[in-house]
Amino acid sequence: MTVRQSLLAILDQGPCYGYQLRAEFDRRTGSTWPLNVGQIYNTLDRLERDGLVAKGATDEQGHVYYEITDAGSLEVAAWLRSPVSRAQGTRDELAVKLAVAATLPGVDVTALIRAQRAESRANLEALTRRPRSIAETGPEALVRAVVADAMIAHAEAELRWLDRTERRLGAHPEHAMALELATERPRRGRPAKAPAA
């Protein structure tokens, strides 16, 4: 999730203070990924350090408004033009867990997959049960629907992947998957401490 670019894009609409940015982010993303105020202000500090925003006026309540700079507007434009590239090496906690579990002796990977499938299915059912009124219109309803559709598609894909993984791992006997610790030790590592004199 690109909080930095999202906040810059909102600031490109006009000056905002921290809590206002938080509310705008929630409003524009269907309140799916809540941000805490500390995260907002840490991001604003970095954006200011990088010359992408500047502190502006302070209102009578003490809210400090941040304004986007020309460099910030250029970064927003570049972000919006660029496709999102999903890194090949992105760690997926579930994939790592199942890969490691499949190589450990005595672990019932099928049981792990079935437990995860039940969890993933419950997540999908919860997503599809959320009220989605066709009659509701406007930009906020539209972004909620777009985000909900993405979350549903991800949940459906996870269930398909779990099915494929269970078939793939089920084709191998359990003993063929177990990996013993390698006998060849890596050359690098923490050196042994010298004995105290």
N, C-alpha and C. Protein backbone atom coordinates (compact mmCIF):
# COMPACT_ATOMS: atom_id res chain seq x y z
N MET A 1 0.86 -1.17 0.00
CA MET A 1 0.00 0.00 0.00
C MET A 1 0.89 1.22 0.00
N THR A 2 0.66 2.13 -0.88
CA THR A 2 1.51 3.30 -1.02
C THR A 2 0.87 4.49 -0.30
N VAL A 3 1.08 4.52 0.98
CA VAL A 3 0.53 5.61 1.79
C VAL A 3 1.12 6.94 1.34
N ARG A 4 2.42 6.94 1.13
CA ARG A 4 3.12 8.17 0.75
C ARG A 4 2.48 8.82 -0.47
N GLN A 5 2.36 8.04 -1.56
CA GLN A 5 1.80 8.59 -2.79
C GLN A 5 0.33 8.94 -2.64
N SER A 6 -0.40 8.14 -1.88
CA SER A 6 -1.83 8.43 -1.68
C SER A 6 -2.02 9.75 -0.96
N LEU A 7 -1.22 9.98 0.09
CA LEU A 7 -1.34 11.25 0.82
C LEU A 7 -0.93 12.42 -0.07
N LEU A 8 0.12 12.23 -0.86
CA LEU A 8 0.52 13.30 -1.79
C LEU A 8 -0.60 13.60 -2.78
N ALA A 9 -1.24 12.55 -3.30
CA ALA A 9 -2.32 12.75 -4.27
C ALA A 9 -3.48 13.52 -3.65
N ILE A 10 -3.78 13.23 -2.39
CA ILE A 10 -4.85 13.97 -1.70
C ILE A 10 -4.43 15.42 -1.51
N LEU A 11 -3.18 15.63 -1.11
CA LEU A 11 -2.68 17.01 -0.92
C LEU A 11 -2.65 17.78 -2.24
N ASP A 12 -2.56 17.07 -3.35
CA ASP A 12 -2.58 17.74 -4.65
C ASP A 12 -3.93 18.39 -4.91
N GLN A 13 -4.96 17.98 -4.13
CA GLN A 13 -6.29 18.58 -4.24
C GLN A 13 -6.40 19.88 -3.44
N GLY A 14 -5.50 20.04 -2.45
CA GLY A 14 -5.51 21.23 -1.62
C GLY A 14 -4.88 20.95 -0.27
N PRO A 15 -4.54 22.00 0.48
CA PRO A 15 -3.89 21.83 1.78
C PRO A 15 -4.78 21.07 2.76
N CYS A 16 -4.16 20.24 3.60
CA CYS A 16 -4.86 19.46 4.61
C CYS A 16 -3.99 19.36 5.85
N TYR A 17 -4.63 19.11 6.99
CA TYR A 17 -3.88 18.79 8.21
C TYR A 17 -3.97 17.28 8.43
N GLY A 18 -3.22 16.76 9.38
CA GLY A 18 -3.07 15.32 9.57
C GLY A 18 -4.36 14.54 9.71
N TYR A 19 -5.22 14.92 10.64
CA TYR A 19 -6.48 14.18 10.83
C TYR A 19 -7.36 14.28 9.59
N GLN A 20 -7.30 15.41 8.93
CA GLN A 20 -8.08 15.59 7.70
C GLN A 20 -7.57 14.63 6.62
N LEU A 21 -6.25 14.47 6.52
CA LEU A 21 -5.68 13.52 5.56
C LEU A 21 -6.12 12.10 5.87
N ARG A 22 -6.12 11.77 7.15
CA ARG A 22 -6.56 10.43 7.57
C ARG A 22 -8.00 10.19 7.14
N ALA A 23 -8.87 11.15 7.39
CA ALA A 23 -10.29 11.02 7.02
C ALA A 23 -10.45 10.92 5.50
N GLU A 24 -9.68 11.72 4.77
CA GLU A 24 -9.76 11.69 3.30
C GLU A 24 -9.27 10.35 2.75
N PHE A 25 -8.20 9.83 3.33
CA PHE A 25 -7.68 8.53 2.89
C PHE A 25 -8.75 7.46 3.12
N ASP A 26 -9.36 7.46 4.31
CA ASP A 26 -10.42 6.48 4.61
C ASP A 26 -11.58 6.63 3.64
N ARG A 27 -11.97 7.86 3.38
CA ARG A 27 -13.11 8.12 2.50
C ARG A 27 -12.82 7.65 1.07
N ARG A 28 -11.58 7.80 0.64
CA ARG A 28 -11.23 7.49 -0.74
C ARG A 28 -10.85 6.02 -0.95
N THR A 29 -10.67 5.27 0.13
CA THR A 29 -10.32 3.85 0.00
C THR A 29 -11.38 2.95 0.60
N GLY A 30 -12.53 3.48 0.90
CA GLY A 30 -13.61 2.68 1.45
C GLY A 30 -13.34 2.22 2.87
N SER A 31 -12.51 2.95 3.60
CA SER A 31 -12.15 2.64 5.00
C SER A 31 -11.63 1.21 5.15
N THR A 32 -10.95 0.73 4.14
CA THR A 32 -10.46 -0.64 4.15
C THR A 32 -9.14 -0.79 4.87
N TRP A 33 -8.25 0.19 4.71
CA TRP A 33 -6.92 0.13 5.31
C TRP A 33 -6.75 1.31 6.24
N PRO A 34 -7.24 1.22 7.46
CA PRO A 34 -7.16 2.37 8.36
C PRO A 34 -5.71 2.74 8.69
N LEU A 35 -5.45 4.02 8.68
CA LEU A 35 -4.14 4.54 9.03
C LEU A 35 -4.23 5.17 10.41
N ASN A 36 -3.17 5.03 11.21
CA ASN A 36 -3.18 5.76 12.47
C ASN A 36 -2.55 7.12 12.25
N VAL A 37 -2.87 8.05 13.11
CA VAL A 37 -2.42 9.43 12.94
C VAL A 37 -0.90 9.52 13.00
N GLY A 38 -0.27 8.69 13.84
CA GLY A 38 1.18 8.68 13.91
C GLY A 38 1.80 8.35 12.56
N GLN A 39 1.21 7.39 11.85
CA GLN A 39 1.70 7.02 10.52
C GLN A 39 1.55 8.20 9.56
N ILE A 40 0.45 8.92 9.67
CA ILE A 40 0.23 10.09 8.81
C ILE A 40 1.33 11.13 9.05
N TYR A 41 1.54 11.47 10.32
CA TYR A 41 2.52 12.52 10.63
C TYR A 41 3.96 12.07 10.33
N ASN A 42 4.28 10.81 10.53
CA ASN A 42 5.61 10.32 10.15
C ASN A 42 5.80 10.45 8.64
N THR A 43 4.78 10.11 7.89
CA THR A 43 4.86 10.22 6.43
C THR A 43 4.98 11.68 6.02
N LEU A 44 4.21 12.56 6.65
CA LEU A 44 4.30 13.99 6.34
C LEU A 44 5.70 14.53 6.64
N ASP A 45 6.30 14.10 7.74
CA ASP A 45 7.66 14.53 8.07
C ASP A 45 8.64 14.12 6.98
N ARG A 46 8.51 12.88 6.50
CA ARG A 46 9.41 12.41 5.44
C ARG A 46 9.15 13.15 4.12
N LEU A 47 7.87 13.40 3.83
CA LEU A 47 7.54 14.14 2.61
C LEU A 47 8.10 15.56 2.67
N GLU A 48 8.04 16.16 3.86
CA GLU A 48 8.59 17.50 4.02
C GLU A 48 10.12 17.46 3.87
N ARG A 49 10.74 16.47 4.51
CA ARG A 49 12.20 16.31 4.40
C ARG A 49 12.63 16.16 2.95
N ASP A 50 11.82 15.45 2.16
CA ASP A 50 12.15 15.19 0.76
C ASP A 50 11.73 16.33 -0.18
N GLY A 51 11.17 17.40 0.39
CA GLY A 51 10.80 18.56 -0.42
C GLY A 51 9.53 18.39 -1.22
N LEU A 52 8.69 17.44 -0.85
CA LEU A 52 7.46 17.18 -1.60
C LEU A 52 6.24 17.88 -1.01
N VAL A 53 6.32 18.24 0.27
CA VAL A 53 5.29 19.04 0.91
C VAL A 53 5.97 20.10 1.77
N ALA A 54 5.21 21.11 2.12
CA ALA A 54 5.71 22.15 3.02
C ALA A 54 4.61 22.49 4.01
N LYS A 55 5.02 22.85 5.22
CA LYS A 55 4.03 23.30 6.20
C LYS A 55 3.50 24.65 5.77
N GLY A 56 2.19 24.78 5.90
CA GLY A 56 1.54 26.02 5.52
C GLY A 56 0.97 26.71 6.74
N ALA A 57 -0.21 27.24 6.58
CA ALA A 57 -0.86 28.00 7.63
C ALA A 57 -1.31 27.11 8.78
N THR A 58 -1.51 27.73 9.94
CA THR A 58 -2.08 27.06 11.11
C THR A 58 -3.41 27.74 11.39
N ASP A 59 -4.47 26.96 11.59
CA ASP A 59 -5.78 27.56 11.85
C ASP A 59 -5.94 27.86 13.33
N GLU A 60 -7.09 28.39 13.69
CA GLU A 60 -7.34 28.81 15.07
C GLU A 60 -7.39 27.64 16.05
N GLN A 61 -7.62 26.41 15.56
CA GLN A 61 -7.59 25.23 16.43
C GLN A 61 -6.18 24.65 16.57
N GLY A 62 -5.22 25.23 15.88
CA GLY A 62 -3.84 24.75 15.94
C GLY A 62 -3.49 23.70 14.90
N HIS A 63 -4.39 23.44 13.97
CA HIS A 63 -4.10 22.48 12.90
C HIS A 63 -3.08 23.08 11.94
N VAL A 64 -2.02 22.33 11.71
CA VAL A 64 -1.00 22.77 10.75
C VAL A 64 -1.35 22.15 9.41
N TYR A 65 -1.55 23.01 8.42
CA TYR A 65 -1.89 22.56 7.08
C TYR A 65 -0.63 22.29 6.29
N TYR A 66 -0.63 21.17 5.56
CA TYR A 66 0.49 20.83 4.69
C TYR A 66 0.06 21.09 3.26
N GLU A 67 1.00 21.62 2.49
CA GLU A 67 0.73 21.93 1.09
C GLU A 67 1.73 21.19 0.23
N ILE A 68 1.25 20.72 -0.91
CA ILE A 68 2.14 20.01 -1.83
C ILE A 68 3.02 21.01 -2.56
N THR A 69 4.25 20.63 -2.84
CA THR A 69 5.16 21.46 -3.62
C THR A 69 5.07 21.05 -5.09
N ASP A 70 5.74 21.80 -5.95
CA ASP A 70 5.76 21.43 -7.37
C ASP A 70 6.38 20.05 -7.56
N ALA A 71 7.44 19.78 -6.80
CA ALA A 71 8.08 18.45 -6.89
C ALA A 71 7.10 17.36 -6.45
N GLY A 72 6.29 17.65 -5.44
CA GLY A 72 5.28 16.69 -4.97
C GLY A 72 4.23 16.43 -6.04
N SER A 73 3.79 17.48 -6.71
CA SER A 73 2.81 17.32 -7.79
C SER A 73 3.37 16.48 -8.93
N LEU A 74 4.64 16.68 -9.24
CA LEU A 74 5.28 15.87 -10.28
C LEU A 74 5.34 14.40 -9.88
N GLU A 75 5.63 14.14 -8.59
CA GLU A 75 5.68 12.75 -8.12
C GLU A 75 4.30 12.10 -8.19
N VAL A 76 3.25 12.85 -7.84
CA VAL A 76 1.89 12.31 -7.93
C VAL A 76 1.56 11.95 -9.38
N ALA A 77 1.88 12.87 -10.30
CA ALA A 77 1.59 12.62 -11.72
C ALA A 77 2.33 11.38 -12.21
N ALA A 78 3.59 11.23 -11.81
CA ALA A 78 4.38 10.05 -12.23
C ALA A 78 3.78 8.78 -11.63
N TRP A 79 3.36 8.84 -10.36
CA TRP A 79 2.76 7.67 -9.70
C TRP A 79 1.48 7.25 -10.41
N LEU A 80 0.64 8.22 -10.74
CA LEU A 80 -0.64 7.90 -11.37
C LEU A 80 -0.46 7.35 -12.79
N ARG A 81 0.62 7.75 -13.47
CA ARG A 81 0.89 7.24 -14.83
C ARG A 81 1.51 5.85 -14.82
N SER A 82 2.15 5.48 -13.72
CA SER A 82 2.92 4.23 -13.68
C SER A 82 2.05 3.05 -13.25
N PRO A 83 2.20 1.91 -13.94
CA PRO A 83 1.49 0.72 -13.47
C PRO A 83 2.12 0.20 -12.19
N VAL A 84 1.35 -0.53 -11.41
CA VAL A 84 1.86 -1.12 -10.18
C VAL A 84 2.57 -2.41 -10.57
N SER A 85 3.83 -2.50 -10.21
CA SER A 85 4.62 -3.70 -10.49
C SER A 85 4.69 -4.51 -9.21
N ARG A 86 4.18 -5.70 -9.27
CA ARG A 86 4.22 -6.58 -8.10
C ARG A 86 5.54 -7.32 -8.11
N ALA A 87 6.35 -7.05 -7.11
CA ALA A 87 7.69 -7.61 -7.05
C ALA A 87 7.64 -9.14 -7.00
N GLN A 88 8.57 -9.76 -7.71
CA GLN A 88 8.65 -11.22 -7.73
C GLN A 88 8.99 -11.78 -6.36
N GLY A 89 9.81 -11.07 -5.61
CA GLY A 89 10.28 -11.58 -4.33
C GLY A 89 9.44 -11.19 -3.14
N THR A 90 8.25 -10.69 -3.39
CA THR A 90 7.40 -10.27 -2.29
C THR A 90 7.04 -11.48 -1.44
N ARG A 91 7.29 -11.38 -0.16
CA ARG A 91 7.00 -12.50 0.74
C ARG A 91 5.51 -12.58 1.03
N ASP A 92 5.00 -13.78 0.90
CA ASP A 92 3.62 -14.05 1.25
C ASP A 92 3.69 -14.98 2.46
N GLU A 93 3.20 -14.51 3.59
CA GLU A 93 3.31 -15.27 4.83
C GLU A 93 2.74 -16.68 4.71
N LEU A 94 1.61 -16.80 4.06
CA LEU A 94 0.98 -18.11 3.92
C LEU A 94 1.82 -19.04 3.05
N ALA A 95 2.32 -18.54 1.92
CA ALA A 95 3.15 -19.37 1.04
C ALA A 95 4.42 -19.83 1.75
N VAL A 96 5.04 -18.92 2.49
CA VAL A 96 6.26 -19.28 3.23
C VAL A 96 5.94 -20.33 4.29
N LYS A 97 4.84 -20.12 5.02
CA LYS A 97 4.47 -21.07 6.07
C LYS A 97 4.25 -22.47 5.50
N LEU A 98 3.50 -22.56 4.40
CA LEU A 98 3.23 -23.88 3.81
C LEU A 98 4.48 -24.50 3.21
N ALA A 99 5.33 -23.68 2.60
CA ALA A 99 6.57 -24.21 2.03
C ALA A 99 7.47 -24.79 3.11
N VAL A 100 7.63 -24.06 4.20
CA VAL A 100 8.47 -24.55 5.29
C VAL A 100 7.83 -25.78 5.94
N ALA A 101 6.53 -25.70 6.20
CA ALA A 101 5.84 -26.83 6.84
C ALA A 101 5.96 -28.10 6.01
N ALA A 102 5.91 -27.96 4.68
CA ALA A 102 5.99 -29.13 3.80
C ALA A 102 7.34 -29.82 3.88
N THR A 103 8.37 -29.13 4.34
CA THR A 103 9.70 -29.73 4.41
C THR A 103 10.05 -30.23 5.81
N LEU A 104 9.14 -30.08 6.75
CA LEU A 104 9.40 -30.51 8.12
C LEU A 104 8.82 -31.90 8.36
N PRO A 105 9.61 -32.79 8.95
CA PRO A 105 9.08 -34.12 9.21
C PRO A 105 7.97 -34.07 10.26
N GLY A 106 6.95 -34.88 10.04
CA GLY A 106 5.89 -35.01 11.03
C GLY A 106 4.82 -33.93 10.99
N VAL A 107 4.90 -33.01 10.06
CA VAL A 107 3.89 -31.95 9.98
C VAL A 107 2.81 -32.39 8.99
N ASP A 108 1.56 -32.30 9.42
CA ASP A 108 0.43 -32.66 8.57
C ASP A 108 0.05 -31.41 7.75
N VAL A 109 0.67 -31.28 6.60
CA VAL A 109 0.45 -30.11 5.75
C VAL A 109 -0.99 -30.07 5.25
N THR A 110 -1.56 -31.23 4.99
CA THR A 110 -2.95 -31.27 4.54
C THR A 110 -3.87 -30.65 5.58
N ALA A 111 -3.62 -30.93 6.84
CA ALA A 111 -4.43 -30.34 7.91
C ALA A 111 -4.23 -28.82 7.95
N LEU A 112 -2.99 -28.37 7.74
CA LEU A 112 -2.73 -26.92 7.71
C LEU A 112 -3.51 -26.27 6.57
N ILE A 113 -3.46 -26.90 5.41
CA ILE A 113 -4.16 -26.34 4.24
C ILE A 113 -5.66 -26.31 4.48
N ARG A 114 -6.19 -27.38 5.05
CA ARG A 114 -7.64 -27.42 5.30
C ARG A 114 -8.06 -26.36 6.32
N ALA A 115 -7.26 -26.16 7.34
CA ALA A 115 -7.56 -25.12 8.34
C ALA A 115 -7.50 -23.74 7.68
N GLN A 116 -6.50 -23.54 6.83
CA GLN A 116 -6.39 -22.25 6.15
C GLN A 116 -7.53 -22.06 5.17
N ARG A 117 -7.92 -23.14 4.47
CA ARG A 117 -9.03 -23.02 3.53
C ARG A 117 -10.31 -22.60 4.26
N ALA A 118 -10.54 -23.17 5.44
CA ALA A 118 -11.73 -22.79 6.21
C ALA A 118 -11.67 -21.31 6.58
N GLU A 119 -10.49 -20.86 7.00
CA GLU A 119 -10.31 -19.44 7.34
C GLU A 119 -10.50 -18.56 6.10
N SER A 120 -9.90 -18.95 5.00
CA SER A 120 -10.00 -18.16 3.76
C SER A 120 -11.44 -18.14 3.25
N ARG A 121 -12.13 -19.27 3.35
CA ARG A 121 -13.53 -19.32 2.92
C ARG A 121 -14.40 -18.43 3.80
N ALA A 122 -14.15 -18.45 5.11
CA ALA A 122 -14.91 -17.58 6.02
C ALA A 122 -14.65 -16.11 5.68
N ASN A 123 -13.40 -15.79 5.33
CA ASN A 123 -13.07 -14.42 4.94
C ASN A 123 -13.83 -14.02 3.68
N LEU A 124 -13.84 -14.92 2.70
CA LEU A 124 -14.57 -14.64 1.45
C LEU A 124 -16.06 -14.46 1.72
N GLU A 125 -16.61 -15.32 2.56
CA GLU A 125 -18.05 -15.20 2.88
C GLU A 125 -18.34 -13.89 3.58
N ALA A 126 -17.45 -13.47 4.48
CA ALA A 126 -17.65 -12.19 5.17
C ALA A 126 -17.59 -11.03 4.17
N LEU A 127 -16.67 -11.12 3.22
CA LEU A 127 -16.55 -10.06 2.22
C LEU A 127 -17.79 -9.99 1.33
N THR A 128 -18.33 -11.15 0.97
CA THR A 128 -19.49 -11.15 0.08
C THR A 128 -20.79 -10.84 0.82
N ARG A 129 -20.78 -10.97 2.16
CA ARG A 129 -21.97 -10.63 2.94
C ARG A 129 -22.07 -9.14 3.22
N ARG A 130 -20.98 -8.42 3.05
CA ARG A 130 -21.04 -6.98 3.34
C ARG A 130 -22.12 -6.35 2.48
N PRO A 131 -22.90 -5.46 3.09
CA PRO A 131 -23.96 -4.83 2.30
C PRO A 131 -23.37 -4.00 1.16
N ARG A 132 -23.88 -4.28 -0.04
CA ARG A 132 -23.42 -3.56 -1.22
C ARG A 132 -24.65 -3.13 -2.00
N SER A 133 -25.11 -1.96 -1.72
CA SER A 133 -26.33 -1.47 -2.32
C SER A 133 -26.07 -0.95 -3.74
N ILE A 134 -26.81 -1.47 -4.68
CA ILE A 134 -26.73 -1.00 -6.07
C ILE A 134 -27.27 0.42 -6.15
N ALA A 135 -28.23 0.75 -5.29
CA ALA A 135 -28.85 2.07 -5.33
C ALA A 135 -27.90 3.16 -4.84
N GLU A 136 -26.91 2.77 -4.04
CA GLU A 136 -25.97 3.76 -3.51
C GLU A 136 -25.09 4.24 -4.66
N THR A 137 -25.01 5.55 -4.80
CA THR A 137 -24.23 6.12 -5.89
C THR A 137 -23.24 7.14 -5.35
N GLY A 138 -22.43 7.62 -6.23
CA GLY A 138 -21.45 8.64 -5.86
C GLY A 138 -20.05 8.07 -5.76
N PRO A 139 -19.08 8.94 -5.69
CA PRO A 139 -17.68 8.50 -5.70
C PRO A 139 -17.30 7.61 -4.52
N GLU A 140 -17.83 7.88 -3.33
CA GLU A 140 -17.47 7.07 -2.16
C GLU A 140 -18.01 5.65 -2.30
N ALA A 141 -19.22 5.50 -2.81
CA ALA A 141 -19.80 4.17 -3.02
C ALA A 141 -19.01 3.43 -4.10
N LEU A 142 -18.60 4.14 -5.13
CA LEU A 142 -17.85 3.52 -6.22
C LEU A 142 -16.50 3.01 -5.73
N VAL A 143 -15.76 3.80 -4.93
CA VAL A 143 -14.45 3.32 -4.46
C VAL A 143 -14.61 2.17 -3.48
N ARG A 144 -15.65 2.18 -2.67
CA ARG A 144 -15.90 1.05 -1.77
C ARG A 144 -16.12 -0.22 -2.59
N ALA A 145 -16.87 -0.11 -3.68
CA ALA A 145 -17.14 -1.27 -4.53
C ALA A 145 -15.86 -1.76 -5.22
N VAL A 146 -15.04 -0.84 -5.69
CA VAL A 146 -13.79 -1.21 -6.36
C VAL A 146 -12.87 -1.95 -5.39
N VAL A 147 -12.73 -1.43 -4.19
CA VAL A 147 -11.86 -2.06 -3.19
C VAL A 147 -12.44 -3.40 -2.76
N ALA A 148 -13.75 -3.47 -2.55
CA ALA A 148 -14.39 -4.73 -2.15
C ALA A 148 -14.22 -5.78 -3.24
N ASP A 149 -14.37 -5.38 -4.50
CA ASP A 149 -14.17 -6.33 -5.61
C ASP A 149 -12.75 -6.88 -5.61
N ALA A 150 -11.76 -6.03 -5.36
CA ALA A 150 -10.36 -6.47 -5.32
C ALA A 150 -10.14 -7.45 -4.18
N MET A 151 -10.71 -7.17 -3.02
CA MET A 151 -10.54 -8.05 -1.87
C MET A 151 -11.20 -9.40 -2.11
N ILE A 152 -12.35 -9.40 -2.74
CA ILE A 152 -13.05 -10.65 -3.08
C ILE A 152 -12.23 -11.45 -4.09
N ALA A 153 -11.70 -10.78 -5.10
CA ALA A 153 -10.89 -11.48 -6.12
C ALA A 153 -9.66 -12.10 -5.48
N HIS A 154 -9.01 -11.40 -4.54
CA HIS A 154 -7.84 -11.95 -3.85
C HIS A 154 -8.22 -13.17 -3.01
N ALA A 155 -9.35 -13.09 -2.32
CA ALA A 155 -9.79 -14.21 -1.49
C ALA A 155 -10.13 -15.42 -2.36
N GLU A 156 -10.77 -15.20 -3.49
CA GLU A 156 -11.08 -16.30 -4.40
C GLU A 156 -9.80 -16.93 -4.96
N ALA A 157 -8.84 -16.08 -5.30
CA ALA A 157 -7.56 -16.59 -5.82
C ALA A 157 -6.82 -17.40 -4.76
N GLU A 158 -6.88 -16.96 -3.51
CA GLU A 158 -6.23 -17.71 -2.44
C GLU A 158 -6.83 -19.10 -2.30
N LEU A 159 -8.14 -19.19 -2.38
CA LEU A 159 -8.80 -20.50 -2.30
C LEU A 159 -8.39 -21.41 -3.46
N ARG A 160 -8.30 -20.86 -4.67
CA ARG A 160 -7.86 -21.66 -5.81
C ARG A 160 -6.42 -22.13 -5.61
N TRP A 161 -5.55 -21.24 -5.10
CA TRP A 161 -4.15 -21.58 -4.85
C TRP A 161 -4.05 -22.68 -3.78
N LEU A 162 -4.85 -22.60 -2.72
CA LEU A 162 -4.84 -23.64 -1.69
C LEU A 162 -5.23 -25.00 -2.27
N ASP A 163 -6.24 -25.02 -3.14
CA ASP A 163 -6.65 -26.27 -3.78
C ASP A 163 -5.50 -26.83 -4.61
N ARG A 164 -4.85 -25.99 -5.40
CA ARG A 164 -3.74 -26.42 -6.25
C ARG A 164 -2.57 -26.92 -5.40
N THR A 165 -2.29 -26.21 -4.31
CA THR A 165 -1.19 -26.59 -3.42
C THR A 165 -1.47 -27.94 -2.78
N GLU A 166 -2.70 -28.15 -2.33
CA GLU A 166 -3.03 -29.44 -1.72
C GLU A 166 -2.86 -30.57 -2.73
N ARG A 167 -3.28 -30.37 -3.98
CA ARG A 167 -3.11 -31.41 -5.01
C ARG A 167 -1.62 -31.66 -5.27
N ARG A 168 -0.84 -30.59 -5.37
CA ARG A 168 0.58 -30.70 -5.67
C ARG A 168 1.32 -31.45 -4.54
N LEU A 169 1.07 -31.03 -3.31
CA LEU A 169 1.76 -31.68 -2.18
C LEU A 169 1.23 -33.08 -1.93
N GLY A 170 -0.04 -33.31 -2.21
CA GLY A 170 -0.63 -34.62 -2.01
C GLY A 170 -0.08 -35.67 -2.96
N ALA A 171 0.53 -35.22 -4.06
CA ALA A 171 1.09 -36.15 -5.04
C ALA A 171 2.42 -36.73 -4.59
N HIS A 172 2.96 -36.22 -3.48
CA HIS A 172 4.26 -36.68 -2.99
C HIS A 172 4.10 -37.34 -1.63
N PRO A 173 4.76 -38.45 -1.41
CA PRO A 173 4.70 -39.05 -0.08
C PRO A 173 5.36 -38.12 0.94
N GLU A 174 4.82 -38.15 2.15
CA GLU A 174 5.30 -37.23 3.19
C GLU A 174 6.80 -37.34 3.40
N HIS A 175 7.35 -38.57 3.41
CA HIS A 175 8.78 -38.73 3.67
C HIS A 175 9.64 -38.14 2.55
N ALA A 176 9.09 -38.01 1.33
CA ALA A 176 9.86 -37.47 0.21
C ALA A 176 10.02 -35.96 0.32
N MET A 177 9.19 -35.32 1.10
CA MET A 177 9.21 -33.87 1.22
C MET A 177 10.13 -33.39 2.34
N ALA A 178 10.35 -34.21 3.35
CA ALA A 178 11.11 -33.78 4.53
C ALA A 178 12.55 -33.46 4.14
N LEU A 179 13.05 -32.35 4.64
CA LEU A 179 14.43 -31.94 4.41
C LEU A 179 15.17 -31.97 5.73
N GLU A 180 16.29 -32.67 5.74
CA GLU A 180 17.17 -32.65 6.91
C GLU A 180 17.98 -31.36 6.85
N LEU A 181 18.54 -30.95 7.97
CA LEU A 181 19.43 -29.80 7.94
C LEU A 181 20.61 -30.12 7.04
N ALA A 182 21.05 -29.16 6.25
CA ALA A 182 22.18 -29.35 5.34
C ALA A 182 23.45 -29.62 6.14
N THR A 183 24.24 -30.55 5.65
CA THR A 183 25.50 -30.86 6.35
C THR A 183 26.57 -29.84 6.01
N GLU A 184 26.49 -29.25 4.84
CA GLU A 184 27.46 -28.22 4.48
C GLU A 184 27.02 -26.90 5.10
N ARG A 185 27.87 -26.33 5.89
CA ARG A 185 27.54 -25.10 6.59
C ARG A 185 27.86 -23.87 5.73
N PRO A 186 27.05 -22.85 5.78
CA PRO A 186 27.36 -21.62 5.05
C PRO A 186 28.68 -21.03 5.54
N ARG A 187 29.39 -20.37 4.67
CA ARG A 187 30.69 -19.80 5.01
C ARG A 187 30.57 -18.56 5.87
N ARG A 188 29.49 -17.87 5.74
CA ARG A 188 29.33 -16.64 6.51
C ARG A 188 28.51 -16.92 7.75
N GLY A 189 28.69 -16.10 8.74
CA GLY A 189 27.94 -16.26 9.97
C GLY A 189 28.58 -15.45 11.07
N ARG A 190 27.98 -15.48 12.20
CA ARG A 190 28.50 -14.73 13.33
C ARG A 190 29.74 -15.46 13.86
N PRO A 191 30.86 -14.74 13.97
CA PRO A 191 32.07 -15.41 14.48
C PRO A 191 31.92 -15.77 15.95
N ALA A 192 32.60 -16.83 16.33
CA ALA A 192 32.59 -17.25 17.73
C ALA A 192 33.26 -16.21 18.60
N LYS A 193 32.73 -16.02 19.78
CA LYS A 193 33.34 -15.07 20.71
C LYS A 193 34.62 -15.66 21.27
N ALA A 194 35.59 -14.80 21.43
CA ALA A 194 36.86 -15.24 22.03
C ALA A 194 36.63 -15.50 23.51
N PRO A 195 37.24 -16.55 24.05
CA PRO A 195 37.05 -16.85 25.47
C PRO A 195 37.59 -15.72 26.33
N ALA A 196 36.88 -15.42 27.41
CA ALA A 196 37.31 -14.35 28.33
C ALA A 196 38.58 -14.80 29.06
N ALA A 197 39.50 -13.87 29.17
CA ALA A 197 40.78 -14.18 29.83
C ALA A 197 40.70 -13.96 31.32
